[in-house]
């Protein structure tokens, strides 16, 4: 389906370009990135799609977005947590948002051009933006993260969560980012804010946080268990990662705090702080209500006993 859409666009005279993460020899905590389907890449090239791999150093080129008609008034953005794989569309829990805004699309195109001209994860993500306002008064603010900027992004999540007046809701694949995990633990300890969400659990009952190699793992594991014990978290039982296995993870990456929604490619993880990532902050009571309702459904759908291990 994707190749057919690309072929039709190229036939119409559209210049289609695609960047993807290129594997490298560095060992990445489970699960490692999926292997590249080079036959599919060659097929896209034959259709006229311009392709550029980005070496995932120090970690991953983890962006997930599409910009359409960036230079035109009808420009639009599609972003979220979904990888461009068959399992992502059919077997995983993912979140996608679209926004019609030439200004917003322009920022994402700037980020794309940066990586296209200089395929360097560590040097990317240095775009600073303010708030953008849509015709319906919805406000948007994009963040492009890598290295220290990712840590700053975590702190923004944390600051937003500290000022909560109504429910904090999160649906995550992993929680190993210290600022986020610590803040969720504090919120749960206060006990006056409802916290719910969905997490990944492997078929063997193991939890979603691979923290064994971190010096700070001990307090994070304790904080994780305090959050799971106090909040309404459902845990999706998924197939452990293996070469050629089904990928059916809890893969959504979304956080709702008051009337703010944060959605994009960024796992709330320690590893994610080194990736090339993007997050879209949305200020809208209506969008926040819709996303909170989705996460409540996730929590209910995958409800069960507390996770074992971390």
Protein backbone atom coordinates (compact mmCIF):
# COMPACT_ATOMS: atom_id res chain seq x y z
CA UNK A 1 0.00 0.00 0.00
CA UNK A 2 2.79 2.40 0.90
CA UNK A 3 4.72 1.70 -2.29
CA UNK A 4 1.56 2.19 -4.37
CA UNK A 5 0.94 5.58 -2.73
CA UNK A 6 4.54 6.63 -3.36
CA UNK A 7 4.36 5.46 -6.97
CA UNK A 8 1.15 7.44 -7.57
CA UNK A 9 2.67 10.56 -6.00
CA UNK A 10 5.83 10.34 -8.09
CA UNK A 11 3.71 9.83 -11.21
CA UNK A 12 1.87 13.08 -10.38
CA UNK A 13 5.21 14.87 -10.29
CA UNK A 14 5.59 14.97 -6.50
CA UNK A 15 9.15 14.92 -5.18
CA UNK A 16 9.06 12.18 -2.54
CA UNK A 17 11.96 11.78 -0.11
CA UNK A 18 12.38 9.37 2.77
CA UNK A 19 14.89 9.13 5.62
CA UNK A 20 15.27 6.01 7.73
CA UNK A 21 17.45 4.79 10.58
CA UNK A 22 20.42 2.74 9.42
CA UNK A 23 21.54 -0.09 11.68
CA UNK A 24 25.00 0.02 13.22
CA UNK A 25 27.18 -2.29 15.27
CA UNK A 26 26.33 -0.75 18.65
CA UNK A 27 24.33 -3.03 20.92
CA UNK A 28 20.97 -1.46 21.65
CA UNK A 29 18.87 -2.45 24.69
CA UNK A 30 16.02 -4.79 23.92
CA UNK A 31 14.28 -4.51 21.62
CA UNK A 32 16.82 -3.45 19.00
CA UNK A 33 15.54 -1.63 15.91
CA UNK A 34 14.03 -3.85 13.21
CA UNK A 35 16.29 -4.85 10.37
CA UNK A 36 16.07 -2.82 7.19
CA UNK A 37 14.15 -4.37 4.30
CA UNK A 38 16.68 -3.44 1.64
CA UNK A 39 14.58 -5.08 -1.09
CA UNK A 40 11.74 -2.69 -0.23
CA UNK A 41 14.16 0.25 -0.15
CA UNK A 42 15.40 -0.70 -3.63
CA UNK A 43 11.80 -0.96 -4.80
CA UNK A 44 11.09 2.58 -3.60
CA UNK A 45 14.22 3.82 -5.36
CA UNK A 46 13.05 2.21 -8.59
CA UNK A 47 9.78 4.11 -8.26
CA UNK A 48 11.65 7.42 -8.08
CA UNK A 49 11.65 7.95 -4.30
CA UNK A 50 14.81 9.64 -3.03
CA UNK A 51 16.23 7.66 -0.11
CA UNK A 52 18.77 8.56 2.56
CA UNK A 53 19.81 6.34 5.51
CA UNK A 54 20.82 8.10 8.73
CA UNK A 55 23.30 6.23 10.95
CA UNK A 56 21.70 5.82 14.37
CA UNK A 57 24.60 7.18 16.41
CA UNK A 58 24.76 7.57 19.40
CA UNK A 59 21.41 5.81 19.39
CA UNK A 60 18.54 6.02 16.86
CA UNK A 61 17.13 8.28 14.19
CA UNK A 62 13.69 7.69 15.67
CA UNK A 63 11.49 10.32 13.98
CA UNK A 64 8.07 9.27 12.72
CA UNK A 65 6.40 11.97 10.66
CA UNK A 66 5.24 12.85 7.16
CA UNK A 67 5.07 16.36 5.74
CA UNK A 68 2.73 16.94 2.81
CA UNK A 69 2.83 19.96 0.50
CA UNK A 70 5.18 21.79 2.86
CA UNK A 71 5.60 24.81 0.58
CA UNK A 72 1.88 25.21 -0.15
CA UNK A 73 -1.03 26.73 1.81
CA UNK A 74 -2.64 23.29 2.20
CA UNK A 75 0.44 21.87 3.94
CA UNK A 76 -0.22 19.21 6.57
CA UNK A 77 1.65 17.11 9.07
CA UNK A 78 1.17 13.50 10.18
CA UNK A 79 3.10 12.39 13.25
CA UNK A 80 2.87 10.01 16.16
CA UNK A 81 4.31 6.73 17.39
CA UNK A 82 3.76 4.48 14.37
CA UNK A 83 6.68 2.89 12.55
CA UNK A 84 6.23 2.17 8.85
CA UNK A 85 5.87 -1.58 9.29
CA UNK A 86 2.99 -4.01 8.75
CA UNK A 87 2.89 -4.95 12.44
CA UNK A 88 2.75 -1.31 13.49
CA UNK A 89 -0.48 -0.82 11.56
CA UNK A 90 -2.14 -4.12 12.48
CA UNK A 91 -0.81 -5.52 15.76
CA UNK A 92 0.41 -2.67 17.95
CA UNK A 93 -1.20 0.11 19.94
CA UNK A 94 -0.15 3.38 18.31
CA UNK A 95 -1.21 7.01 18.16
CA UNK A 96 -1.28 9.24 15.06
CA UNK A 97 -2.26 12.90 14.84
CA UNK A 98 -2.66 15.11 11.80
CA UNK A 99 -2.59 18.90 11.65
CA UNK A 100 -3.25 21.22 8.72
CA UNK A 101 -0.81 24.09 9.17
CA UNK A 102 1.76 25.36 6.70
CA UNK A 103 3.77 26.94 9.53
CA UNK A 104 3.90 23.73 11.55
CA UNK A 105 4.73 21.67 8.45
CA UNK A 106 7.52 24.13 7.72
CA UNK A 107 9.23 23.41 11.04
CA UNK A 108 9.11 19.69 10.41
CA UNK A 109 10.42 20.19 6.91
CA UNK A 110 13.29 22.23 8.38
CA UNK A 111 14.12 19.32 10.68
CA UNK A 112 13.95 16.91 7.74
CA UNK A 113 16.24 19.11 5.62
CA UNK A 114 18.70 19.29 8.48
CA UNK A 115 19.00 15.50 8.58
CA UNK A 116 18.94 15.22 4.79
CA UNK A 117 21.85 17.60 4.38
CA UNK A 118 23.76 16.31 7.40
CA UNK A 119 22.70 12.81 8.48
CA UNK A 120 23.90 13.23 12.06
CA UNK A 121 21.61 12.28 14.95
CA UNK A 122 23.73 13.98 17.60
CA UNK A 123 23.78 17.31 15.74
CA UNK A 124 20.08 17.38 14.84
CA UNK A 125 17.14 18.80 16.72
CA UNK A 126 18.34 22.35 17.25
CA UNK A 127 15.17 24.06 16.04
CA UNK A 128 13.46 26.38 18.52
CA UNK A 129 9.82 27.31 18.00
CA UNK A 130 7.06 29.18 19.75
CA UNK A 131 3.35 28.41 19.93
CA UNK A 132 1.31 28.22 16.72
CA UNK A 133 -2.45 28.83 16.74
CA UNK A 134 -4.88 27.09 14.37
CA UNK A 135 -8.13 28.59 13.12
CA UNK A 136 -10.11 26.75 15.85
CA UNK A 137 -7.83 28.24 18.57
CA UNK A 138 -5.95 24.97 19.12
CA UNK A 139 -2.35 25.80 20.02
CA UNK A 140 0.58 23.66 18.87
CA UNK A 141 4.26 23.64 19.67
CA UNK A 142 6.75 21.19 18.13
CA UNK A 143 9.96 20.02 19.80
CA UNK A 144 12.86 18.34 18.02
CA UNK A 145 15.06 16.48 20.42
CA UNK A 146 18.50 14.93 20.61
CA UNK A 147 21.01 14.65 23.44
CA UNK A 148 20.75 17.57 25.87
CA UNK A 149 17.64 18.87 24.10
CA UNK A 150 15.90 15.57 24.86
CA UNK A 151 16.71 16.04 28.52
CA UNK A 152 15.20 19.52 28.34
CA UNK A 153 12.11 17.97 26.74
CA UNK A 154 11.82 15.55 29.65
CA UNK A 155 11.93 18.47 32.04
CA UNK A 156 9.10 20.18 30.18
CA UNK A 157 6.98 17.07 30.62
CA UNK A 158 7.93 17.07 34.28
CA UNK A 159 7.14 20.74 34.87
CA UNK A 160 3.77 20.33 33.19
CA UNK A 161 2.94 17.30 35.34
CA UNK A 162 3.95 19.08 38.56
CA UNK A 163 1.32 21.79 37.96
CA UNK A 164 -1.53 19.36 37.38
CA UNK A 165 -5.02 20.39 38.33
CA UNK A 166 -6.83 17.51 36.67
CA UNK A 167 -5.99 13.96 35.72
CA UNK A 168 -2.55 13.04 34.41
CA UNK A 169 -2.86 10.27 31.88
CA UNK A 170 -0.11 8.42 30.08
CA UNK A 171 0.09 5.57 27.56
CA UNK A 172 3.65 4.46 27.11
CA UNK A 173 5.86 1.70 25.80
CA UNK A 174 8.57 2.28 28.39
CA UNK A 175 9.17 4.59 31.34
CA UNK A 176 12.85 4.88 32.19
CA UNK A 177 13.38 8.63 31.95
CA UNK A 178 14.31 9.81 35.44
CA UNK A 179 12.47 13.16 35.35
CA UNK A 180 9.25 11.58 34.08
CA UNK A 181 9.30 8.50 36.27
CA UNK A 182 10.12 10.55 39.36
CA UNK A 183 7.32 13.00 38.65
CA UNK A 184 4.75 10.24 38.09
CA UNK A 185 5.81 8.67 41.40
CA UNK A 186 5.38 12.03 43.17
CA UNK A 187 1.95 12.57 41.61
CA UNK A 188 0.83 9.08 42.62
CA UNK A 189 2.16 9.59 46.16
CA UNK A 190 0.08 12.77 46.57
CA UNK A 191 -2.97 10.71 45.73
CA UNK A 192 -5.16 13.61 44.62
CA UNK A 193 -4.70 13.14 40.84
CA UNK A 194 -6.01 10.25 38.78
CA UNK A 195 -3.27 8.54 36.76
CA UNK A 196 -3.99 5.85 34.20
CA UNK A 197 -2.29 4.36 31.20
CA UNK A 198 -1.04 1.36 29.31
CA UNK A 199 2.32 -0.37 29.44
CA UNK A 200 4.00 -3.23 27.66
CA UNK A 201 4.39 -6.63 29.28
CA UNK A 202 6.17 -9.54 27.61
CA UNK A 203 4.50 -12.93 27.49
CA UNK A 204 6.76 -14.10 30.34
CA UNK A 205 5.29 -11.41 32.62
CA UNK A 206 8.35 -9.18 32.51
CA UNK A 207 7.66 -5.46 32.76
CA UNK A 208 8.40 -2.68 30.30
CA UNK A 209 11.53 -1.13 31.79
CA UNK A 210 14.96 -2.42 30.75
CA UNK A 211 17.01 -0.63 33.41
CA UNK A 212 19.55 -3.22 34.46
CA UNK A 213 22.51 -1.40 32.91
CA UNK A 214 21.80 1.99 34.46
CA UNK A 215 23.57 3.21 37.58
CA UNK A 216 20.28 4.70 38.77
CA UNK A 217 18.29 1.52 38.15
CA UNK A 218 17.49 0.81 41.79
CA UNK A 219 15.48 3.96 42.54
CA UNK A 220 13.83 3.80 39.11
CA UNK A 221 12.64 0.26 39.71
CA UNK A 222 11.20 1.30 43.07
CA UNK A 223 9.54 4.35 41.53
CA UNK A 224 8.15 2.25 38.69
CA UNK A 225 6.55 -0.21 41.11
CA UNK A 226 5.07 2.60 43.21
CA UNK A 227 3.48 4.10 40.08
CA UNK A 228 2.07 0.77 38.87
CA UNK A 229 0.70 0.02 42.35
CA UNK A 230 -1.03 3.39 42.71
CA UNK A 231 -2.22 4.10 39.15
CA UNK A 232 -4.74 2.42 36.86
CA UNK A 233 -2.27 0.88 34.42
CA UNK A 234 -3.19 -1.89 32.05
CA UNK A 235 -0.34 -3.99 30.66
CA UNK A 236 -0.50 -5.38 27.15
CA UNK A 237 1.00 -8.86 26.98
CA UNK A 238 3.28 -8.89 23.95
CA UNK A 239 5.59 -11.30 22.16
CA UNK A 240 9.23 -10.99 23.33
CA UNK A 241 11.43 -9.43 20.69
CA UNK A 242 13.25 -11.87 18.41
CA UNK A 243 14.44 -11.76 14.84
CA UNK A 244 11.48 -12.52 12.62
CA UNK A 245 8.97 -12.51 15.49
CA UNK A 246 5.66 -10.70 15.57
CA UNK A 247 5.88 -7.14 16.89
CA UNK A 248 2.71 -6.56 18.89
CA UNK A 249 3.97 -4.15 21.53
CA UNK A 250 2.28 -1.38 23.44
CA UNK A 251 3.89 1.28 21.26
CA UNK A 252 1.80 4.39 21.93
CA UNK A 253 3.74 7.43 23.10
CA UNK A 254 1.32 9.99 24.50
CA UNK A 255 0.92 11.96 27.70
CA UNK A 256 -2.05 14.07 28.76
CA UNK A 257 -1.76 16.64 31.53
CA UNK A 258 -4.67 19.02 32.13
CA UNK A 259 -5.52 20.44 28.69
CA UNK A 260 -2.12 19.60 27.22
CA UNK A 261 -1.28 16.59 25.05
CA UNK A 262 2.25 15.48 24.20
CA UNK A 263 2.50 13.05 21.29
CA UNK A 264 5.23 11.97 18.90
CA UNK A 265 8.10 9.54 18.52
CA UNK A 266 9.68 10.03 21.94
CA UNK A 267 9.60 7.13 24.40
CA UNK A 268 9.75 8.41 27.95
CA UNK A 269 13.02 6.55 28.26
CA UNK A 270 16.64 7.09 29.20
CA UNK A 271 17.70 5.78 25.79
CA UNK A 272 15.27 8.12 24.04
CA UNK A 273 17.15 11.11 25.44
CA UNK A 274 19.96 10.34 22.97
CA UNK A 275 17.79 9.74 19.92
CA UNK A 276 16.65 12.11 17.19
CA UNK A 277 13.02 12.55 18.25
CA UNK A 278 10.03 14.82 17.80
CA UNK A 279 7.18 15.72 20.14
CA UNK A 280 4.12 17.81 19.35
CA UNK A 281 2.60 19.68 22.31
CA UNK A 282 -1.10 20.40 21.83
CA UNK A 283 -3.13 22.77 24.00
CA UNK A 284 -6.81 21.93 23.56
CA UNK A 285 -9.38 20.74 26.08
CA UNK A 286 -11.24 18.83 23.35
CA UNK A 287 -8.13 17.02 22.10
CA UNK A 288 -7.03 16.29 25.67
CA UNK A 289 -10.44 14.81 26.49
CA UNK A 290 -10.32 12.62 23.37
CA UNK A 291 -6.81 11.36 24.15
CA UNK A 292 -7.60 10.79 27.83
CA UNK A 293 -10.63 8.73 26.86
CA UNK A 294 -8.46 6.65 24.53
CA UNK A 295 -5.93 5.99 27.28
CA UNK A 296 -8.66 5.07 29.75
CA UNK A 297 -9.87 2.49 27.21
CA UNK A 298 -6.30 1.16 26.91
CA UNK A 299 -6.03 0.85 30.69
CA UNK A 300 -9.34 -1.01 30.86
CA UNK A 301 -8.61 -3.25 27.86
CA UNK A 302 -5.29 -4.46 29.24
CA UNK A 303 -6.12 -4.37 32.93
CA UNK A 304 -4.80 -7.14 35.15
CA UNK A 305 -2.52 -7.92 38.09
CA UNK A 306 0.55 -5.76 38.71
CA UNK A 307 3.54 -6.38 36.46
CA UNK A 308 6.27 -8.70 37.66
CA UNK A 309 9.81 -7.37 37.54
CA UNK A 310 10.95 -4.29 35.76
